[in-house]
Amino acid sequence: MLICVQWSCGSSAPRAFLARRLGLVLLLAILGCLSACTITPPPKPLLVIPPAAINSATLDDYRTTVARHIVEHNPTYVLRGAPQAMLRSLVVVSFTVNRNGQIVKSSVYRTNGDDEAEATALATLRRAAPLPPPPGGLLNSAGQLEMFEDWLFNDNGKFQLRTLASPQAQNFQ
């Protein structure tokens, strides 16, 4: 769009006023045109969650199977009885399992900063590898399943997994 304006006023003051006014009108017109434009960002890759993994008894069953497997492979680290009222640490570990039960990756997802508890959680997960193979219906398009588990630590360094944990103590004795 090209707009051409010719001035016929004799004084420079009205010209300056009209130029500012015209500049403002042009700016508003341009902004009005731009506001009608839309900017569409590129689509994000979709995280495909298998239907069987959503609110599924199958996923809960597999989570329980994995927790039992971890406990069986780390008996000296497992806390027997109720976790204390005020836990020493809670470590949430994220891990990915492939169709053969191999742990593809693992990392601490959330923690209170207890390095020893974090190291124990990751070590006990690795020690339990390979995990039982997940049901095929839980696998994503890459043939993997991402899971989370919580390690609940007492002051003595022993843990329970939240999936199998006993009710926590209610008082500080």
N, C-alpha and C. Protein backbone atom coordinates (compact mmCIF):
# COMPACT_ATOMS: atom_id res chain seq x y z
N MET A 1 0.85 -1.15 0.00
CA MET A 1 0.00 0.00 0.00
C MET A 1 0.91 1.22 0.00
N LEU A 2 0.70 2.14 -0.92
CA LEU A 2 1.50 3.35 -1.02
C LEU A 2 0.58 4.54 -0.87
N ILE A 3 0.92 5.43 0.07
CA ILE A 3 0.12 6.64 0.29
C ILE A 3 1.02 7.83 0.00
N CYS A 4 0.52 8.71 -0.85
CA CYS A 4 1.28 9.90 -1.22
C CYS A 4 0.46 11.11 -0.78
N VAL A 5 1.10 12.03 -0.04
CA VAL A 5 0.41 13.22 0.45
C VAL A 5 1.20 14.44 -0.01
N GLN A 6 0.48 15.42 -0.52
CA GLN A 6 1.12 16.67 -0.95
C GLN A 6 0.58 17.77 -0.06
N TRP A 7 1.49 18.59 0.48
CA TRP A 7 1.11 19.65 1.39
C TRP A 7 0.89 20.94 0.62
N SER A 8 -0.10 21.71 1.05
CA SER A 8 -0.34 23.00 0.41
C SER A 8 -0.38 24.13 1.43
N CYS A 9 -0.05 23.86 2.66
CA CYS A 9 -0.06 24.89 3.70
C CYS A 9 1.18 25.76 3.55
N GLY A 10 1.08 27.01 3.95
CA GLY A 10 2.21 27.92 3.84
C GLY A 10 3.13 27.83 5.04
N SER A 11 2.64 27.54 6.22
CA SER A 11 3.44 27.53 7.44
C SER A 11 4.01 26.15 7.71
N SER A 12 5.18 26.08 8.36
CA SER A 12 5.78 24.79 8.66
C SER A 12 5.19 24.16 9.92
N ALA A 13 4.62 24.94 10.84
CA ALA A 13 4.03 24.40 12.07
C ALA A 13 2.85 23.48 11.75
N PRO A 14 1.88 23.90 10.91
CA PRO A 14 0.79 22.97 10.60
C PRO A 14 1.31 21.73 9.87
N ARG A 15 2.33 21.89 9.06
CA ARG A 15 2.88 20.72 8.36
C ARG A 15 3.43 19.69 9.37
N ALA A 16 4.17 20.16 10.36
CA ALA A 16 4.73 19.27 11.36
C ALA A 16 3.62 18.57 12.13
N PHE A 17 2.56 19.33 12.48
CA PHE A 17 1.44 18.75 13.19
C PHE A 17 0.76 17.69 12.33
N LEU A 18 0.51 18.00 11.08
CA LEU A 18 -0.15 17.05 10.17
C LEU A 18 0.74 15.83 9.92
N ALA A 19 2.05 16.04 9.83
CA ALA A 19 2.96 14.92 9.61
C ALA A 19 2.93 13.97 10.80
N ARG A 20 2.94 14.54 12.02
CA ARG A 20 2.86 13.68 13.20
C ARG A 20 1.52 12.94 13.24
N ARG A 21 0.46 13.66 12.95
CA ARG A 21 -0.87 13.05 12.96
C ARG A 21 -0.96 11.94 11.91
N LEU A 22 -0.43 12.20 10.70
CA LEU A 22 -0.46 11.21 9.64
C LEU A 22 0.42 10.01 10.00
N GLY A 23 1.58 10.28 10.64
CA GLY A 23 2.44 9.19 11.07
C GLY A 23 1.73 8.29 12.07
N LEU A 24 0.98 8.91 12.99
CA LEU A 24 0.23 8.14 13.98
C LEU A 24 -0.86 7.33 13.31
N VAL A 25 -1.55 7.93 12.35
CA VAL A 25 -2.62 7.21 11.63
C VAL A 25 -2.02 6.02 10.86
N LEU A 26 -0.89 6.25 10.22
CA LEU A 26 -0.25 5.16 9.47
C LEU A 26 0.20 4.04 10.41
N LEU A 27 0.77 4.42 11.54
CA LEU A 27 1.21 3.42 12.52
C LEU A 27 0.03 2.60 13.01
N LEU A 28 -1.06 3.26 13.33
CA LEU A 28 -2.26 2.54 13.78
C LEU A 28 -2.81 1.63 12.68
N ALA A 29 -2.77 2.08 11.45
CA ALA A 29 -3.25 1.26 10.33
C ALA A 29 -2.38 0.01 10.17
N ILE A 30 -1.07 0.20 10.29
CA ILE A 30 -0.15 -0.95 10.17
C ILE A 30 -0.38 -1.93 11.32
N LEU A 31 -0.50 -1.41 12.55
CA LEU A 31 -0.75 -2.28 13.70
C LEU A 31 -2.08 -3.01 13.55
N GLY A 32 -3.08 -2.31 13.00
CA GLY A 32 -4.37 -2.95 12.78
C GLY A 32 -4.25 -4.11 11.80
N CYS A 33 -3.47 -3.91 10.76
CA CYS A 33 -3.27 -4.99 9.78
C CYS A 33 -2.51 -6.15 10.40
N LEU A 34 -1.48 -5.84 11.20
CA LEU A 34 -0.69 -6.89 11.82
C LEU A 34 -1.50 -7.67 12.85
N SER A 35 -2.42 -6.98 13.53
CA SER A 35 -3.20 -7.69 14.54
C SER A 35 -4.13 -8.71 13.92
N ALA A 36 -4.44 -8.54 12.66
CA ALA A 36 -5.29 -9.51 11.97
C ALA A 36 -4.48 -10.72 11.52
N CYS A 37 -3.15 -10.59 11.54
CA CYS A 37 -2.30 -11.70 11.15
C CYS A 37 -2.16 -12.68 12.31
N THR A 38 -1.98 -13.91 11.99
CA THR A 38 -1.72 -14.91 13.02
C THR A 38 -0.37 -15.54 12.75
N ILE A 39 0.32 -15.84 13.82
CA ILE A 39 1.61 -16.52 13.71
C ILE A 39 1.40 -17.90 14.31
N THR A 40 1.59 -18.90 13.50
CA THR A 40 1.40 -20.27 13.95
C THR A 40 2.75 -20.92 14.16
N PRO A 41 3.07 -21.29 15.42
CA PRO A 41 4.36 -21.95 15.65
C PRO A 41 4.33 -23.35 15.05
N PRO A 42 5.51 -23.89 14.77
CA PRO A 42 5.54 -25.24 14.22
C PRO A 42 4.95 -26.22 15.23
N PRO A 43 4.31 -27.26 14.75
CA PRO A 43 3.70 -28.21 15.69
C PRO A 43 4.76 -28.92 16.52
N LYS A 44 4.43 -29.14 17.79
CA LYS A 44 5.32 -29.88 18.67
C LYS A 44 5.13 -31.36 18.41
N PRO A 45 6.20 -32.14 18.56
CA PRO A 45 6.03 -33.58 18.40
C PRO A 45 5.07 -34.09 19.48
N LEU A 46 4.21 -34.96 19.09
CA LEU A 46 3.23 -35.49 20.02
C LEU A 46 3.83 -36.58 20.90
N LEU A 47 3.52 -36.53 22.17
CA LEU A 47 3.88 -37.61 23.06
C LEU A 47 2.73 -38.59 22.99
N VAL A 48 2.99 -39.73 22.43
CA VAL A 48 1.94 -40.71 22.23
C VAL A 48 1.91 -41.64 23.44
N ILE A 49 0.82 -41.57 24.19
CA ILE A 49 0.63 -42.44 25.33
C ILE A 49 -0.32 -43.53 24.90
N PRO A 50 0.13 -44.78 24.98
CA PRO A 50 -0.75 -45.86 24.57
C PRO A 50 -2.04 -45.85 25.39
N PRO A 51 -3.18 -46.11 24.76
CA PRO A 51 -4.45 -46.09 25.48
C PRO A 51 -4.44 -47.00 26.71
N ALA A 52 -3.74 -48.12 26.63
CA ALA A 52 -3.72 -49.06 27.76
C ALA A 52 -3.00 -48.48 28.97
N ALA A 53 -2.16 -47.44 28.77
CA ALA A 53 -1.40 -46.89 29.88
C ALA A 53 -2.17 -45.84 30.66
N ILE A 54 -3.28 -45.39 30.14
CA ILE A 54 -4.05 -44.35 30.80
C ILE A 54 -5.03 -44.99 31.77
N ASN A 55 -4.85 -44.66 33.07
CA ASN A 55 -5.72 -45.19 34.13
C ASN A 55 -5.94 -46.69 33.98
N SER A 56 -4.86 -47.41 33.91
CA SER A 56 -4.95 -48.82 33.59
C SER A 56 -4.53 -49.70 34.74
N ALA A 57 -5.30 -50.74 34.96
CA ALA A 57 -4.91 -51.76 35.94
C ALA A 57 -3.64 -52.45 35.46
N THR A 58 -3.45 -52.53 34.15
CA THR A 58 -2.26 -53.17 33.60
C THR A 58 -1.01 -52.40 34.01
N LEU A 59 -1.05 -51.08 33.93
CA LEU A 59 0.09 -50.27 34.33
C LEU A 59 0.33 -50.41 35.82
N ASP A 60 -0.71 -50.39 36.62
CA ASP A 60 -0.57 -50.56 38.06
C ASP A 60 0.03 -51.93 38.39
N ASP A 61 -0.43 -52.95 37.69
CA ASP A 61 0.11 -54.30 37.90
C ASP A 61 1.59 -54.35 37.55
N TYR A 62 1.95 -53.73 36.43
CA TYR A 62 3.36 -53.74 36.03
C TYR A 62 4.20 -52.95 37.03
N ARG A 63 3.70 -51.80 37.50
CA ARG A 63 4.42 -50.99 38.48
C ARG A 63 4.68 -51.82 39.75
N THR A 64 3.69 -52.58 40.18
CA THR A 64 3.84 -53.44 41.36
C THR A 64 4.87 -54.54 41.11
N THR A 65 4.82 -55.13 39.92
CA THR A 65 5.79 -56.18 39.56
C THR A 65 7.21 -55.62 39.59
N VAL A 66 7.41 -54.43 39.04
CA VAL A 66 8.73 -53.80 39.01
C VAL A 66 9.19 -53.49 40.43
N ALA A 67 8.31 -52.95 41.26
CA ALA A 67 8.68 -52.61 42.64
C ALA A 67 9.10 -53.88 43.40
N ARG A 68 8.36 -54.96 43.24
CA ARG A 68 8.73 -56.22 43.91
C ARG A 68 10.08 -56.72 43.42
N HIS A 69 10.32 -56.56 42.12
CA HIS A 69 11.59 -56.99 41.53
C HIS A 69 12.76 -56.19 42.12
N ILE A 70 12.58 -54.88 42.25
CA ILE A 70 13.63 -54.04 42.83
C ILE A 70 13.90 -54.45 44.28
N VAL A 71 12.85 -54.67 45.04
CA VAL A 71 12.99 -55.08 46.45
C VAL A 71 13.69 -56.42 46.56
N GLU A 72 13.31 -57.38 45.71
CA GLU A 72 13.93 -58.71 45.74
C GLU A 72 15.42 -58.66 45.46
N HIS A 73 15.85 -57.73 44.62
CA HIS A 73 17.26 -57.63 44.25
C HIS A 73 18.07 -56.74 45.18
N ASN A 74 17.42 -56.15 46.19
CA ASN A 74 18.11 -55.25 47.13
C ASN A 74 17.64 -55.47 48.57
N PRO A 75 17.62 -56.71 49.05
CA PRO A 75 17.01 -56.98 50.37
C PRO A 75 17.68 -56.26 51.53
N THR A 76 18.98 -56.01 51.47
CA THR A 76 19.65 -55.37 52.61
C THR A 76 19.34 -53.87 52.69
N TYR A 77 18.82 -53.29 51.63
CA TYR A 77 18.50 -51.87 51.62
C TYR A 77 17.04 -51.58 51.97
N VAL A 78 16.23 -52.63 52.04
CA VAL A 78 14.79 -52.45 52.18
C VAL A 78 14.40 -52.32 53.65
N LEU A 79 13.57 -51.35 53.94
CA LEU A 79 13.05 -51.10 55.27
C LEU A 79 11.87 -52.04 55.52
N ARG A 80 11.91 -52.73 56.63
CA ARG A 80 10.79 -53.60 57.03
C ARG A 80 9.96 -52.83 58.05
N GLY A 81 8.65 -52.91 57.96
CA GLY A 81 7.78 -52.19 58.88
C GLY A 81 7.40 -50.83 58.32
N ALA A 82 6.86 -50.00 59.19
CA ALA A 82 6.35 -48.68 58.77
C ALA A 82 7.48 -47.66 58.64
N PRO A 83 7.45 -46.85 57.58
CA PRO A 83 8.42 -45.75 57.49
C PRO A 83 8.17 -44.76 58.63
N GLN A 84 9.24 -44.11 59.10
CA GLN A 84 9.11 -43.16 60.20
C GLN A 84 8.23 -41.98 59.81
N ALA A 85 7.73 -41.27 60.83
CA ALA A 85 6.79 -40.17 60.59
C ALA A 85 7.41 -39.06 59.74
N MET A 86 8.64 -38.70 60.04
CA MET A 86 9.34 -37.67 59.26
C MET A 86 10.45 -38.36 58.49
N LEU A 87 10.23 -38.56 57.20
CA LEU A 87 11.22 -39.28 56.40
C LEU A 87 12.52 -38.49 56.28
N ARG A 88 13.61 -39.22 56.15
CA ARG A 88 14.91 -38.59 55.91
C ARG A 88 14.92 -37.99 54.52
N SER A 89 14.36 -38.75 53.57
CA SER A 89 14.40 -38.30 52.18
C SER A 89 13.32 -38.98 51.36
N LEU A 90 12.88 -38.29 50.35
CA LEU A 90 11.98 -38.84 49.34
C LEU A 90 12.67 -38.58 48.00
N VAL A 91 12.96 -39.64 47.27
CA VAL A 91 13.63 -39.51 45.98
C VAL A 91 12.71 -40.09 44.92
N VAL A 92 12.33 -39.25 43.95
CA VAL A 92 11.51 -39.70 42.83
C VAL A 92 12.44 -39.95 41.65
N VAL A 93 12.40 -41.18 41.13
CA VAL A 93 13.27 -41.56 40.02
C VAL A 93 12.40 -41.78 38.78
N SER A 94 12.84 -41.20 37.69
CA SER A 94 12.22 -41.43 36.38
C SER A 94 13.10 -42.43 35.64
N PHE A 95 12.48 -43.44 35.05
CA PHE A 95 13.27 -44.39 34.27
C PHE A 95 12.46 -44.91 33.09
N THR A 96 13.19 -45.27 32.06
CA THR A 96 12.58 -45.77 30.82
C THR A 96 13.03 -47.20 30.61
N VAL A 97 12.05 -48.05 30.35
CA VAL A 97 12.29 -49.48 30.16
C VAL A 97 11.94 -49.84 28.72
N ASN A 98 12.78 -50.64 28.07
CA ASN A 98 12.44 -51.07 26.71
C ASN A 98 11.64 -52.38 26.78
N ARG A 99 11.27 -52.89 25.63
CA ARG A 99 10.39 -54.08 25.59
C ARG A 99 11.02 -55.32 26.21
N ASN A 100 12.36 -55.33 26.36
CA ASN A 100 13.06 -56.47 26.96
C ASN A 100 13.29 -56.29 28.46
N GLY A 101 12.85 -55.16 29.02
CA GLY A 101 13.05 -54.90 30.44
C GLY A 101 14.37 -54.20 30.75
N GLN A 102 15.14 -53.87 29.72
CA GLN A 102 16.40 -53.14 29.94
C GLN A 102 16.07 -51.69 30.31
N ILE A 103 16.82 -51.16 31.25
CA ILE A 103 16.65 -49.76 31.63
C ILE A 103 17.43 -48.92 30.63
N VAL A 104 16.72 -48.17 29.82
CA VAL A 104 17.33 -47.36 28.76
C VAL A 104 17.93 -46.09 29.36
N LYS A 105 17.22 -45.48 30.30
CA LYS A 105 17.76 -44.30 30.97
C LYS A 105 17.06 -44.17 32.32
N SER A 106 17.76 -43.50 33.23
CA SER A 106 17.19 -43.25 34.56
C SER A 106 17.80 -41.97 35.10
N SER A 107 17.03 -41.26 35.90
CA SER A 107 17.52 -40.03 36.51
C SER A 107 16.66 -39.68 37.71
N VAL A 108 17.24 -38.90 38.58
CA VAL A 108 16.48 -38.39 39.72
C VAL A 108 15.57 -37.29 39.20
N TYR A 109 14.29 -37.45 39.42
CA TYR A 109 13.30 -36.50 38.94
C TYR A 109 13.03 -35.42 39.99
N ARG A 110 13.02 -35.85 41.26
CA ARG A 110 12.73 -34.92 42.35
C ARG A 110 13.39 -35.43 43.62
N THR A 111 13.90 -34.50 44.42
CA THR A 111 14.62 -34.91 45.63
C THR A 111 14.66 -33.75 46.61
N ASN A 112 15.10 -34.05 47.82
CA ASN A 112 15.32 -32.99 48.81
C ASN A 112 16.80 -32.64 48.90
N GLY A 113 17.62 -33.19 48.01
CA GLY A 113 19.04 -32.86 47.98
C GLY A 113 19.93 -33.81 48.75
N ASP A 114 19.41 -34.94 49.18
CA ASP A 114 20.19 -35.94 49.92
C ASP A 114 20.95 -36.79 48.90
N ASP A 115 22.23 -36.44 48.69
CA ASP A 115 23.04 -37.12 47.67
C ASP A 115 23.16 -38.62 47.91
N GLU A 116 23.30 -39.02 49.16
CA GLU A 116 23.45 -40.44 49.48
C GLU A 116 22.17 -41.21 49.14
N ALA A 117 21.02 -40.63 49.46
CA ALA A 117 19.74 -41.28 49.15
C ALA A 117 19.53 -41.35 47.63
N GLU A 118 19.90 -40.30 46.92
CA GLU A 118 19.78 -40.29 45.46
C GLU A 118 20.64 -41.40 44.85
N ALA A 119 21.89 -41.50 45.32
CA ALA A 119 22.80 -42.53 44.80
C ALA A 119 22.27 -43.93 45.10
N THR A 120 21.72 -44.13 46.30
CA THR A 120 21.17 -45.43 46.66
C THR A 120 19.98 -45.78 45.78
N ALA A 121 19.10 -44.81 45.54
CA ALA A 121 17.92 -45.07 44.71
C ALA A 121 18.34 -45.50 43.31
N LEU A 122 19.24 -44.76 42.70
CA LEU A 122 19.69 -45.09 41.34
C LEU A 122 20.45 -46.42 41.31
N ALA A 123 21.28 -46.67 42.33
CA ALA A 123 22.05 -47.92 42.37
C ALA A 123 21.15 -49.13 42.55
N THR A 124 20.13 -49.01 43.39
CA THR A 124 19.24 -50.16 43.60
C THR A 124 18.39 -50.42 42.36
N LEU A 125 18.06 -49.38 41.62
CA LEU A 125 17.34 -49.59 40.36
C LEU A 125 18.25 -50.32 39.36
N ARG A 126 19.50 -49.86 39.22
CA ARG A 126 20.44 -50.51 38.28
C ARG A 126 20.73 -51.95 38.69
N ARG A 127 20.84 -52.17 40.00
CA ARG A 127 21.12 -53.52 40.50
C ARG A 127 19.99 -54.49 40.15
N ALA A 128 18.79 -53.99 40.01
CA ALA A 128 17.63 -54.84 39.71
C ALA A 128 17.49 -55.12 38.21
N ALA A 129 18.30 -54.49 37.38
CA ALA A 129 18.20 -54.67 35.92
C ALA A 129 18.68 -56.06 35.52
N PRO A 130 18.10 -56.62 34.50
CA PRO A 130 16.94 -56.11 33.75
C PRO A 130 15.66 -56.30 34.54
N LEU A 131 14.73 -55.40 34.31
CA LEU A 131 13.41 -55.49 34.94
C LEU A 131 12.55 -56.46 34.14
N PRO A 132 11.45 -56.91 34.70
CA PRO A 132 10.54 -57.75 33.91
C PRO A 132 10.07 -56.98 32.67
N PRO A 133 9.95 -57.64 31.54
CA PRO A 133 9.49 -56.95 30.32
C PRO A 133 8.07 -56.40 30.52
N PRO A 134 7.84 -55.16 30.09
CA PRO A 134 6.50 -54.58 30.24
C PRO A 134 5.53 -55.20 29.23
N PRO A 135 4.24 -55.20 29.56
CA PRO A 135 3.24 -55.68 28.59
C PRO A 135 3.30 -54.82 27.32
N GLY A 136 3.15 -55.44 26.18
CA GLY A 136 3.25 -54.75 24.90
C GLY A 136 2.30 -53.58 24.76
N GLY A 137 1.13 -53.67 25.36
CA GLY A 137 0.15 -52.59 25.26
C GLY A 137 0.55 -51.31 25.96
N LEU A 138 1.57 -51.36 26.82
CA LEU A 138 2.02 -50.17 27.53
C LEU A 138 3.15 -49.45 26.82
N LEU A 139 3.71 -50.07 25.79
CA LEU A 139 4.87 -49.50 25.11
C LEU A 139 4.45 -48.36 24.18
N ASN A 140 5.29 -47.35 24.09
CA ASN A 140 5.04 -46.27 23.14
C ASN A 140 5.53 -46.69 21.74
N SER A 141 5.50 -45.77 20.80
CA SER A 141 5.87 -46.11 19.42
C SER A 141 7.34 -46.48 19.29
N ALA A 142 8.17 -46.11 20.26
CA ALA A 142 9.59 -46.47 20.25
C ALA A 142 9.83 -47.79 20.96
N GLY A 143 8.77 -48.44 21.43
CA GLY A 143 8.92 -49.71 22.12
C GLY A 143 9.44 -49.55 23.54
N GLN A 144 9.09 -48.42 24.18
CA GLN A 144 9.57 -48.13 25.53
C GLN A 144 8.43 -47.69 26.43
N LEU A 145 8.69 -47.74 27.73
CA LEU A 145 7.72 -47.28 28.73
C LEU A 145 8.47 -46.43 29.75
N GLU A 146 8.01 -45.18 29.96
CA GLU A 146 8.60 -44.32 30.98
C GLU A 146 7.78 -44.45 32.25
N MET A 147 8.49 -44.61 33.36
CA MET A 147 7.83 -44.80 34.65
C MET A 147 8.48 -43.90 35.69
N PHE A 148 7.78 -43.75 36.81
CA PHE A 148 8.29 -43.04 37.98
C PHE A 148 8.07 -43.94 39.19
N GLU A 149 9.01 -43.89 40.13
CA GLU A 149 8.83 -44.58 41.40
C GLU A 149 9.45 -43.71 42.48
N ASP A 150 8.87 -43.79 43.69
CA ASP A 150 9.33 -43.01 44.83
C ASP A 150 10.06 -43.92 45.81
N TRP A 151 11.26 -43.52 46.20
CA TRP A 151 12.03 -44.21 47.23
C TRP A 151 11.83 -43.40 48.51
N LEU A 152 11.29 -44.03 49.55
CA LEU A 152 11.03 -43.38 50.84
C LEU A 152 12.12 -43.83 51.81
N PHE A 153 12.97 -42.92 52.26
CA PHE A 153 14.12 -43.27 53.10
C PHE A 153 13.90 -42.89 54.56
N ASN A 154 14.22 -43.84 55.44
CA ASN A 154 14.29 -43.58 56.88
C ASN A 154 15.68 -43.04 57.20
N ASP A 155 15.86 -42.61 58.45
CA ASP A 155 17.16 -42.07 58.87
C ASP A 155 18.28 -43.09 58.75
N ASN A 156 17.97 -44.39 58.87
CA ASN A 156 19.00 -45.43 58.81
C ASN A 156 19.45 -45.74 57.38
N GLY A 157 18.91 -45.05 56.38
CA GLY A 157 19.33 -45.24 54.99
C GLY A 157 18.56 -46.33 54.26
N LYS A 158 17.67 -47.01 54.96
CA LYS A 158 16.86 -48.06 54.32
C LYS A 158 15.62 -47.41 53.71
N PHE A 159 15.07 -48.06 52.69
CA PHE A 159 13.95 -47.47 51.95
C PHE A 159 12.80 -48.44 51.75
N GLN A 160 11.67 -47.87 51.43
CA GLN A 160 10.54 -48.60 50.87
C GLN A 160 10.16 -47.88 49.59
N LEU A 161 9.62 -48.64 48.65
CA LEU A 161 9.10 -48.03 47.43
C LEU A 161 7.64 -47.68 47.67
N ARG A 162 7.22 -46.51 47.23
CA ARG A 162 5.86 -46.05 47.50
C ARG A 162 4.82 -47.05 47.02
N THR A 163 5.07 -47.71 45.90
CA THR A 163 4.11 -48.67 45.37
C THR A 163 3.81 -49.78 46.37
N LEU A 164 4.80 -50.16 47.18
CA LEU A 164 4.64 -51.26 48.14
C LEU A 164 4.67 -50.80 49.59
N ALA A 165 4.77 -49.51 49.84
CA ALA A 165 5.04 -48.99 51.18
C ALA A 165 3.93 -49.30 52.17
N SER A 166 4.38 -49.54 53.40
CA SER A 166 3.47 -49.67 54.54
C SER A 166 3.00 -48.26 54.90
N PRO A 167 1.88 -48.16 55.61
CA PRO A 167 1.45 -46.83 56.06
C PRO A 167 2.54 -46.18 56.93
N GLN A 168 2.77 -44.93 56.74
CA GLN A 168 3.80 -44.21 57.46
C GLN A 168 3.40 -44.01 58.91
N ALA A 169 4.38 -44.02 59.82
CA ALA A 169 4.12 -43.79 61.24
C ALA A 169 3.46 -42.42 61.42
N GLN A 170 2.63 -42.30 62.42
CA GLN A 170 1.90 -41.05 62.66
C GLN A 170 2.51 -40.18 63.75
N ASN A 171 3.44 -40.72 64.52
CA ASN A 171 4.05 -39.93 65.58
C ASN A 171 5.56 -40.10 65.56
N PHE A 172 6.23 -39.19 66.27
CA PHE A 172 7.70 -39.17 66.30
C PHE A 172 8.18 -39.89 67.55
N GLN A 173 8.46 -41.18 67.48
CA GLN A 173 8.96 -41.93 68.63
C GLN A 173 10.37 -42.39 68.38
